[in-house]
Amino acid sequence: MRIFGISLYVIIALFFAVHAVRTQQNMYWLLILFLFPGLGSAVYFFVIYLPSLRQSRGARAATKAISQLVDPNRAVREARTYFDRAPTVAHRMRLAAALLDAGNAAEALEHYQAAASGPFSSDPALLQGLARAQFANGNAAAAQDALEKLFAADPLTRRQPEPALLYARALAALGAPGIRAAFDIALASASDAAPRCLYADWLAAQPDEADRQRARELYAEIVHDARHWPRHARDHNSEWLQRAQTALSR
């Protein structure tokens, strides 16, 4: 039993040592883990491993989902309280973003438009939020205009996942020139399956058979890749996976 206990300590220490190397922690942690496998592992767990676990994408998504389930209006309520106490542009933008995430696109747009009428009209975060709200309200032309102002103010945002995809969607909704190029940029900067699915949706509606074939290939890629997604990625992309599967079954 004593040997088993020692072996268990060593196995746990090895696990944390691998984590330390992969996450590029200071090398003195390896010394602590191997010199004091039991106590060192306990210290590493509370000081390094547990905080990093809480900050992971999956943990953040789970925490957000639980918060939405328990108190779905909390973010809006807190943002509105801050804005009522101090109606600054930053607090207005926070309230607008919370409203937009909660599905209240009309009120969110009012706040974004009010913020955009002041000296922060070229602020990248403001322009991106404004474009989101305009698109959510069905005004793709205004969203396109806001995004082009964003790209002019901060060229790097053109290749960031969210604004790149939103721009492609706005052009697609308008039937404007440059749709393919915009989706290509969105695909290159993608962080999930959304650009592939939305591009495939647009291609599937085109009259050219080559476009419809490319749409089927993109849908098939999503379904194939889903077999290798970790659980948090599968949950995050569930809408796009379902849409791809439905499209392929038709």
C-alpha atoms as a PDB file:
ATOM      1  CA  MET A   1       0.000   0.000   0.000  1.00  0.00           C
ATOM      2  CA  ARG A   2       2.857   2.369   0.822  1.00  0.00           C
ATOM      3  CA  ILE A   3       4.421   1.729  -2.596  1.00  0.00           C
ATOM      4  CA  PHE A   4       1.062   2.319  -4.264  1.00  0.00           C
ATOM      5  CA  GLY A   5       0.699   5.636  -2.422  1.00  0.00           C
ATOM      6  CA  ILE A   6       4.141   6.773  -3.505  1.00  0.00           C
ATOM      7  CA  SER A   7       3.454   5.740  -7.112  1.00  0.00           C
ATOM      8  CA  LEU A   8       0.198   7.715  -7.110  1.00  0.00           C
ATOM      9  CA  TYR A   9       2.016  10.824  -5.901  1.00  0.00           C
ATOM     10  CA  VAL A  10       4.592  10.401  -8.677  1.00  0.00           C
ATOM     11  CA  ILE A  11       1.924   9.918 -11.352  1.00  0.00           C
ATOM     12  CA  ILE A  12       0.101  13.069 -10.237  1.00  0.00           C
ATOM     13  CA  ALA A  13       3.387  14.991 -10.158  1.00  0.00           C
ATOM     14  CA  LEU A  14       4.187  13.787 -13.682  1.00  0.00           C
ATOM     15  CA  PHE A  15       0.777  14.950 -14.881  1.00  0.00           C
ATOM     16  CA  PHE A  16       1.355  18.427 -13.478  1.00  0.00           C
ATOM     17  CA  ALA A  17       4.917  18.459 -14.814  1.00  0.00           C
ATOM     18  CA  VAL A  18       3.599  17.841 -18.340  1.00  0.00           C
ATOM     19  CA  HIS A  19       1.089  20.657 -17.830  1.00  0.00           C
ATOM     20  CA  ALA A  20       3.875  22.964 -16.615  1.00  0.00           C
ATOM     21  CA  VAL A  21       5.982  22.271 -19.720  1.00  0.00           C
ATOM     22  CA  ARG A  22       3.063  22.633 -22.147  1.00  0.00           C
ATOM     23  CA  THR A  23       1.920  25.916 -20.621  1.00  0.00           C
ATOM     24  CA  GLN A  24       5.495  27.205 -20.325  1.00  0.00           C
ATOM     25  CA  GLN A  25       5.521  27.676 -16.553  1.00  0.00           C
ATOM     26  CA  ASN A  26       8.713  28.569 -14.710  1.00  0.00           C
ATOM     27  CA  MET A  27      11.030  25.572 -14.541  1.00  0.00           C
ATOM     28  CA  TYR A  28      11.290  25.750 -10.764  1.00  0.00           C
ATOM     29  CA  TRP A  29       7.855  24.090 -10.688  1.00  0.00           C
ATOM     30  CA  LEU A  30       9.425  20.917 -12.058  1.00  0.00           C
ATOM     31  CA  LEU A  31      11.925  20.958  -9.212  1.00  0.00           C
ATOM     32  CA  ILE A  32       9.152  21.410  -6.651  1.00  0.00           C
ATOM     33  CA  LEU A  33       7.019  18.672  -8.203  1.00  0.00           C
ATOM     34  CA  PHE A  34       9.785  16.080  -8.297  1.00  0.00           C
ATOM     35  CA  LEU A  35      11.403  16.908  -4.946  1.00  0.00           C
ATOM     36  CA  PHE A  36       8.063  17.062  -3.120  1.00  0.00           C
ATOM     37  CA  PRO A  37       5.591  15.127  -5.313  1.00  0.00           C
ATOM     38  CA  GLY A  38       2.705  15.175  -2.822  1.00  0.00           C
ATOM     39  CA  LEU A  39       2.932  18.661  -1.391  1.00  0.00           C
ATOM     40  CA  GLY A  40       4.276  20.090  -4.661  1.00  0.00           C
ATOM     41  CA  SER A  41       1.331  18.699  -6.620  1.00  0.00           C
ATOM     42  CA  ALA A  42      -1.146  20.182  -4.140  1.00  0.00           C
ATOM     43  CA  VAL A  43       0.501  23.598  -4.363  1.00  0.00           C
ATOM     44  CA  TYR A  44       0.670  23.444  -8.184  1.00  0.00           C
ATOM     45  CA  PHE A  45      -3.000  22.468  -8.387  1.00  0.00           C
ATOM     46  CA  PHE A  46      -4.213  25.477  -6.413  1.00  0.00           C
ATOM     47  CA  VAL A  47      -1.696  28.043  -7.660  1.00  0.00           C
ATOM     48  CA  ILE A  48      -1.442  27.177 -11.386  1.00  0.00           C
ATOM     49  CA  TYR A  49      -3.727  24.380 -12.597  1.00  0.00           C
ATOM     50  CA  LEU A  50      -7.081  25.409 -11.086  1.00  0.00           C
ATOM     51  CA  PRO A  51      -6.865  29.098 -12.175  1.00  0.00           C
ATOM     52  CA  SER A  52      -5.875  28.048 -15.714  1.00  0.00           C
ATOM     53  CA  LEU A  53      -8.803  25.629 -15.824  1.00  0.00           C
ATOM     54  CA  ARG A  54     -11.199  28.397 -14.859  1.00  0.00           C
ATOM     55  CA  GLN A  55      -9.800  30.615 -17.608  1.00  0.00           C
ATOM     56  CA  SER A  56     -10.140  28.017 -20.375  1.00  0.00           C
ATOM     57  CA  ARG A  57     -12.556  28.627 -23.215  1.00  0.00           C
ATOM     58  CA  GLY A  58     -14.713  25.698 -22.222  1.00  0.00           C
ATOM     59  CA  ALA A  59     -14.919  26.823 -18.602  1.00  0.00           C
ATOM     60  CA  ARG A  60     -15.774  30.382 -19.598  1.00  0.00           C
ATOM     61  CA  ALA A  61     -18.479  29.144 -21.956  1.00  0.00           C
ATOM     62  CA  ALA A  62     -19.929  26.879 -19.278  1.00  0.00           C
ATOM     63  CA  THR A  63     -19.886  29.672 -16.696  1.00  0.00           C
ATOM     64  CA  LYS A  64     -21.617  32.030 -19.126  1.00  0.00           C
ATOM     65  CA  ALA A  65     -24.253  29.417 -19.997  1.00  0.00           C
ATOM     66  CA  ILE A  66     -24.994  28.730 -16.327  1.00  0.00           C
ATOM     67  CA  SER A  67     -25.228  32.450 -15.569  1.00  0.00           C
ATOM     68  CA  GLN A  68     -27.642  32.923 -18.472  1.00  0.00           C
ATOM     69  CA  LEU A  69     -29.772  30.041 -17.253  1.00  0.00           C
ATOM     70  CA  VAL A  70     -29.880  31.149 -13.611  1.00  0.00           C
ATOM     71  CA  ASP A  71     -30.180  34.909 -14.204  1.00  0.00           C
ATOM     72  CA  PRO A  72     -30.576  35.676 -17.927  1.00  0.00           C
ATOM     73  CA  ASN A  73     -31.009  39.434 -17.401  1.00  0.00           C
ATOM     74  CA  ARG A  74     -28.071  39.955 -15.068  1.00  0.00           C
ATOM     75  CA  ALA A  75     -25.667  41.388 -17.653  1.00  0.00           C
ATOM     76  CA  VAL A  76     -28.247  43.890 -18.910  1.00  0.00           C
ATOM     77  CA  ARG A  77     -29.320  44.822 -15.393  1.00  0.00           C
ATOM     78  CA  GLU A  78     -25.764  45.429 -14.225  1.00  0.00           C
ATOM     79  CA  ALA A  79     -24.854  47.373 -17.367  1.00  0.00           C
ATOM     80  CA  ARG A  80     -27.969  49.526 -17.038  1.00  0.00           C
ATOM     81  CA  THR A  81     -27.135  50.260 -13.388  1.00  0.00           C
ATOM     82  CA  TYR A  82     -23.627  51.398 -14.299  1.00  0.00           C
ATOM     83  CA  PHE A  83     -24.982  53.556 -17.115  1.00  0.00           C
ATOM     84  CA  ASP A  84     -27.635  55.122 -14.889  1.00  0.00           C
ATOM     85  CA  ARG A  85     -24.990  56.014 -12.316  1.00  0.00           C
ATOM     86  CA  ALA A  86     -22.505  57.368 -14.849  1.00  0.00           C
ATOM     87  CA  PRO A  87     -23.733  57.735 -18.468  1.00  0.00           C
ATOM     88  CA  THR A  88     -20.289  57.606 -20.044  1.00  0.00           C
ATOM     89  CA  VAL A  89     -19.616  56.326 -23.560  1.00  0.00           C
ATOM     90  CA  ALA A  90     -17.933  53.227 -22.135  1.00  0.00           C
ATOM     91  CA  HIS A  91     -20.950  52.421 -19.960  1.00  0.00           C
ATOM     92  CA  ARG A  92     -23.320  53.098 -22.875  1.00  0.00           C
ATOM     93  CA  MET A  93     -21.348  50.689 -25.065  1.00  0.00           C
ATOM     94  CA  ARG A  94     -21.392  48.068 -22.318  1.00  0.00           C
ATOM     95  CA  LEU A  95     -25.161  48.395 -22.048  1.00  0.00           C
ATOM     96  CA  ALA A  96     -25.577  48.242 -25.826  1.00  0.00           C
ATOM     97  CA  ALA A  97     -23.479  45.069 -26.043  1.00  0.00           C
ATOM     98  CA  ALA A  98     -25.439  43.430 -23.223  1.00  0.00           C
ATOM     99  CA  LEU A  99     -28.745  44.343 -24.873  1.00  0.00           C
ATOM    100  CA  LEU A 100     -27.561  42.978 -28.198  1.00  0.00           C
ATOM    101  CA  ASP A 101     -26.437  39.690 -26.634  1.00  0.00           C
ATOM    102  CA  ALA A 102     -29.809  39.464 -24.874  1.00  0.00           C
ATOM    103  CA  GLY A 103     -31.666  39.825 -28.189  1.00  0.00           C
ATOM    104  CA  ASN A 104     -32.816  43.426 -27.765  1.00  0.00           C
ATOM    105  CA  ALA A 105     -31.240  44.677 -30.984  1.00  0.00           C
ATOM    106  CA  ALA A 106     -33.488  47.738 -31.344  1.00  0.00           C
ATOM    107  CA  GLU A 107     -32.529  49.331 -28.020  1.00  0.00           C
ATOM    108  CA  ALA A 108     -28.913  48.279 -28.495  1.00  0.00           C
ATOM    109  CA  LEU A 109     -28.831  50.147 -31.793  1.00  0.00           C
ATOM    110  CA  GLU A 110     -30.191  53.298 -30.153  1.00  0.00           C
ATOM    111  CA  HIS A 111     -27.326  53.277 -27.657  1.00  0.00           C
ATOM    112  CA  TYR A 112     -24.689  52.564 -30.287  1.00  0.00           C
ATOM    113  CA  GLN A 113     -26.005  55.367 -32.486  1.00  0.00           C
ATOM    114  CA  ALA A 114     -25.973  57.773 -29.545  1.00  0.00           C
ATOM    115  CA  ALA A 115     -22.384  56.821 -28.750  1.00  0.00           C
ATOM    116  CA  ALA A 116     -21.374  57.149 -32.414  1.00  0.00           C
ATOM    117  CA  SER A 117     -22.654  60.726 -32.573  1.00  0.00           C
ATOM    118  CA  GLY A 118     -19.914  61.940 -30.236  1.00  0.00           C
ATOM    119  CA  PRO A 119     -16.127  62.230 -30.353  1.00  0.00           C
ATOM    120  CA  PHE A 120     -15.693  58.424 -30.212  1.00  0.00           C
ATOM    121  CA  SER A 121     -17.366  57.889 -33.591  1.00  0.00           C
ATOM    122  CA  SER A 122     -14.230  56.228 -35.038  1.00  0.00           C
ATOM    123  CA  ASP A 123     -13.559  53.975 -32.046  1.00  0.00           C
ATOM    124  CA  PRO A 124     -13.077  50.395 -33.395  1.00  0.00           C
ATOM    125  CA  ALA A 125     -15.070  48.699 -30.625  1.00  0.00           C
ATOM    126  CA  LEU A 126     -17.923  51.156 -31.129  1.00  0.00           C
ATOM    127  CA  LEU A 127     -17.972  50.700 -34.903  1.00  0.00           C
ATOM    128  CA  GLN A 128     -17.962  46.922 -34.608  1.00  0.00           C
ATOM    129  CA  GLY A 129     -20.803  46.958 -32.082  1.00  0.00           C
ATOM    130  CA  LEU A 130     -22.735  49.431 -34.225  1.00  0.00           C
ATOM    131  CA  ALA A 131     -22.339  47.181 -37.264  1.00  0.00           C
ATOM    132  CA  ARG A 132     -23.556  44.159 -35.279  1.00  0.00           C
ATOM    133  CA  ALA A 133     -26.613  46.039 -34.088  1.00  0.00           C
ATOM    134  CA  GLN A 134     -27.408  47.383 -37.554  1.00  0.00           C
ATOM    135  CA  PHE A 135     -27.153  43.934 -39.103  1.00  0.00           C
ATOM    136  CA  ALA A 136     -29.295  42.429 -36.317  1.00  0.00           C
ATOM    137  CA  ASN A 137     -31.927  45.074 -37.111  1.00  0.00           C
ATOM    138  CA  GLY A 138     -31.933  44.081 -40.771  1.00  0.00           C
ATOM    139  CA  ASN A 139     -29.960  47.047 -42.099  1.00  0.00           C
ATOM    140  CA  ALA A 140     -27.127  45.332 -43.975  1.00  0.00           C
ATOM    141  CA  ALA A 141     -26.212  48.494 -45.906  1.00  0.00           C
ATOM    142  CA  ALA A 142     -25.613  50.460 -42.700  1.00  0.00           C
ATOM    143  CA  ALA A 143     -23.636  47.522 -41.290  1.00  0.00           C
ATOM    144  CA  GLN A 144     -21.458  47.492 -44.408  1.00  0.00           C
ATOM    145  CA  ASP A 145     -20.828  51.215 -44.073  1.00  0.00           C
ATOM    146  CA  ALA A 146     -19.913  50.919 -40.375  1.00  0.00           C
ATOM    147  CA  LEU A 147     -17.548  48.023 -41.068  1.00  0.00           C
ATOM    148  CA  GLU A 148     -15.797  49.872 -43.884  1.00  0.00           C
ATOM    149  CA  LYS A 149     -15.253  52.777 -41.483  1.00  0.00           C
ATOM    150  CA  LEU A 150     -13.902  50.257 -38.974  1.00  0.00           C
ATOM    151  CA  PHE A 151     -11.478  48.801 -41.518  1.00  0.00           C
ATOM    152  CA  ALA A 152     -10.314  52.302 -42.442  1.00  0.00           C
ATOM    153  CA  ALA A 153      -9.757  53.206 -38.778  1.00  0.00           C
ATOM    154  CA  ASP A 154      -8.088  49.892 -37.897  1.00  0.00           C
ATOM    155  CA  PRO A 155      -6.999  47.852 -40.956  1.00  0.00           C
ATOM    156  CA  LEU A 156      -6.096  44.810 -38.831  1.00  0.00           C
ATOM    157  CA  THR A 157      -9.760  44.250 -37.975  1.00  0.00           C
ATOM    158  CA  ARG A 158     -10.462  43.319 -41.605  1.00  0.00           C
ATOM    159  CA  ARG A 159      -8.825  39.956 -40.893  1.00  0.00           C
ATOM    160  CA  GLN A 160     -10.299  39.367 -37.450  1.00  0.00           C
ATOM    161  CA  PRO A 161     -12.927  36.601 -37.278  1.00  0.00           C
ATOM    162  CA  GLU A 162     -16.046  38.499 -36.166  1.00  0.00           C
ATOM    163  CA  PRO A 163     -15.830  41.670 -38.296  1.00  0.00           C
ATOM    164  CA  ALA A 164     -14.595  39.702 -41.320  1.00  0.00           C
ATOM    165  CA  LEU A 165     -17.560  37.330 -41.187  1.00  0.00           C
ATOM    166  CA  LEU A 166     -20.053  40.099 -40.483  1.00  0.00           C
ATOM    167  CA  TYR A 167     -18.768  42.031 -43.514  1.00  0.00           C
ATOM    168  CA  ALA A 168     -19.162  38.986 -45.748  1.00  0.00           C
ATOM    169  CA  ARG A 169     -22.698  38.435 -44.446  1.00  0.00           C
ATOM    170  CA  ALA A 170     -23.608  42.080 -45.042  1.00  0.00           C
ATOM    171  CA  LEU A 171     -22.352  41.933 -48.636  1.00  0.00           C
ATOM    172  CA  ALA A 172     -24.180  38.645 -49.201  1.00  0.00           C
ATOM    173  CA  ALA A 173     -27.437  40.105 -47.855  1.00  0.00           C
ATOM    174  CA  LEU A 174     -27.079  43.051 -50.238  1.00  0.00           C
ATOM    175  CA  GLY A 175     -25.843  41.055 -53.235  1.00  0.00           C
ATOM    176  CA  ALA A 176     -22.973  43.541 -53.369  1.00  0.00           C
ATOM    177  CA  PRO A 177     -19.682  43.019 -55.222  1.00  0.00           C
ATOM    178  CA  GLY A 178     -16.843  41.339 -53.369  1.00  0.00           C
ATOM    179  CA  ILE A 179     -18.816  38.613 -51.588  1.00  0.00           C
ATOM    180  CA  ARG A 180     -16.419  35.799 -52.508  1.00  0.00           C
ATOM    181  CA  ALA A 181     -13.335  37.755 -51.497  1.00  0.00           C
ATOM    182  CA  ALA A 182     -14.972  38.746 -48.203  1.00  0.00           C
ATOM    183  CA  PHE A 183     -15.855  35.134 -47.396  1.00  0.00           C
ATOM    184  CA  ASP A 184     -12.323  34.028 -48.323  1.00  0.00           C
ATOM    185  CA  ILE A 185     -10.953  36.453 -45.721  1.00  0.00           C
ATOM    186  CA  ALA A 186     -13.515  35.240 -43.179  1.00  0.00           C
ATOM    187  CA  LEU A 187     -12.526  31.631 -43.845  1.00  0.00           C
ATOM    188  CA  ALA A 188      -8.822  32.430 -43.468  1.00  0.00           C
ATOM    189  CA  SER A 189      -9.395  34.094 -40.102  1.00  0.00           C
ATOM    190  CA  ALA A 190     -12.081  31.699 -38.851  1.00  0.00           C
ATOM    191  CA  SER A 191     -12.137  30.526 -35.253  1.00  0.00           C
ATOM    192  CA  ASP A 192     -15.158  28.236 -35.677  1.00  0.00           C
ATOM    193  CA  ALA A 193     -17.337  26.616 -38.359  1.00  0.00           C
ATOM    194  CA  ALA A 194     -19.632  29.603 -38.872  1.00  0.00           C
ATOM    195  CA  PRO A 195     -17.852  31.097 -41.941  1.00  0.00           C
ATOM    196  CA  ARG A 196     -17.771  27.783 -43.781  1.00  0.00           C
ATOM    197  CA  CYS A 197     -21.451  27.109 -43.140  1.00  0.00           C
ATOM    198  CA  LEU A 198     -22.611  30.614 -44.037  1.00  0.00           C
ATOM    199  CA  TYR A 199     -20.449  30.691 -47.158  1.00  0.00           C
ATOM    200  CA  ALA A 200     -21.854  27.300 -48.128  1.00  0.00           C
ATOM    201  CA  ASP A 201     -25.391  28.629 -47.605  1.00  0.00           C
ATOM    202  CA  TRP A 202     -24.662  31.485 -49.999  1.00  0.00           C
ATOM    203  CA  LEU A 203     -22.969  29.233 -52.573  1.00  0.00           C
ATOM    204  CA  ALA A 204     -25.853  26.759 -52.468  1.00  0.00           C
ATOM    205  CA  ALA A 205     -28.227  29.529 -53.548  1.00  0.00           C
ATOM    206  CA  GLN A 206     -26.163  30.432 -56.628  1.00  0.00           C
ATOM    207  CA  PRO A 207     -27.190  29.280 -60.126  1.00  0.00           C
ATOM    208  CA  ASP A 208     -23.751  27.899 -61.037  1.00  0.00           C
ATOM    209  CA  GLU A 209     -23.407  24.143 -60.433  1.00  0.00           C
ATOM    210  CA  ALA A 210     -19.747  24.627 -59.501  1.00  0.00           C
ATOM    211  CA  ASP A 211     -20.831  26.890 -56.636  1.00  0.00           C
ATOM    212  CA  ARG A 212     -23.380  24.368 -55.413  1.00  0.00           C
ATOM    213  CA  GLN A 213     -20.756  21.633 -55.531  1.00  0.00           C
ATOM    214  CA  ARG A 214     -18.381  23.809 -53.510  1.00  0.00           C
ATOM    215  CA  ALA A 215     -21.195  24.319 -50.993  1.00  0.00           C
ATOM    216  CA  ARG A 216     -21.597  20.552 -50.607  1.00  0.00           C
ATOM    217  CA  GLU A 217     -17.840  20.225 -50.067  1.00  0.00           C
ATOM    218  CA  LEU A 218     -17.884  22.857 -47.326  1.00  0.00           C
ATOM    219  CA  TYR A 219     -20.842  21.205 -45.586  1.00  0.00           C
ATOM    220  CA  ALA A 220     -19.056  17.838 -45.796  1.00  0.00           C
ATOM    221  CA  GLU A 221     -15.890  19.360 -44.319  1.00  0.00           C
ATOM    222  CA  ILE A 222     -17.850  20.578 -41.299  1.00  0.00           C
ATOM    223  CA  VAL A 223     -19.434  17.165 -40.721  1.00  0.00           C
ATOM    224  CA  HIS A 224     -16.079  15.420 -41.143  1.00  0.00           C
ATOM    225  CA  ASP A 225     -14.195  17.784 -38.849  1.00  0.00           C
ATOM    226  CA  ALA A 226     -16.903  17.496 -36.194  1.00  0.00           C
ATOM    227  CA  ARG A 227     -15.802  13.911 -35.537  1.00  0.00           C
ATOM    228  CA  HIS A 228     -12.552  15.257 -34.114  1.00  0.00           C
ATOM    229  CA  TRP A 229     -13.880  18.280 -32.213  1.00  0.00           C
ATOM    230  CA  PRO A 230     -13.536  18.304 -28.419  1.00  0.00           C
ATOM    231  CA  ARG A 231     -16.783  18.612 -26.541  1.00  0.00           C
ATOM    232  CA  HIS A 232     -16.654  22.389 -26.050  1.00  0.00           C
ATOM    233  CA  ALA A 233     -16.025  22.901 -29.792  1.00  0.00           C
ATOM    234  CA  ARG A 234     -18.917  20.610 -30.667  1.00  0.00           C
ATOM    235  CA  ASP A 235     -21.233  22.520 -28.327  1.00  0.00           C
ATOM    236  CA  HIS A 236     -20.049  25.869 -29.691  1.00  0.00           C
ATOM    237  CA  ASN A 237     -20.554  24.777 -33.313  1.00  0.00           C
ATOM    238  CA  SER A 238     -23.734  22.749 -32.818  1.00  0.00           C
ATOM    239  CA  GLU A 239     -25.870  25.122 -34.911  1.00  0.00           C
ATOM    240  CA  TRP A 240     -23.475  25.021 -37.868  1.00  0.00           C
ATOM    241  CA  LEU A 241     -23.054  21.255 -37.658  1.00  0.00           C
ATOM    242  CA  GLN A 242     -26.815  20.723 -37.669  1.00  0.00           C
ATOM    243  CA  ARG A 243     -27.240  23.066 -40.625  1.00  0.00           C
ATOM    244  CA  ALA A 244     -24.504  21.265 -42.553  1.00  0.00           C
ATOM    245  CA  GLN A 245     -26.020  17.863 -41.846  1.00  0.00           C
ATOM    246  CA  THR A 246     -29.467  19.076 -42.909  1.00  0.00           C
ATOM    247  CA  ALA A 247     -28.097  20.578 -46.122  1.00  0.00           C
ATOM    248  CA  LEU A 248     -26.281  17.364 -47.031  1.00  0.00           C
ATOM    249  CA  SER A 249     -29.367  15.238 -46.388  1.00  0.00           C
ATOM    250  CA  ARG A 250     -31.407  17.227 -48.912  1.00  0.00           C
END
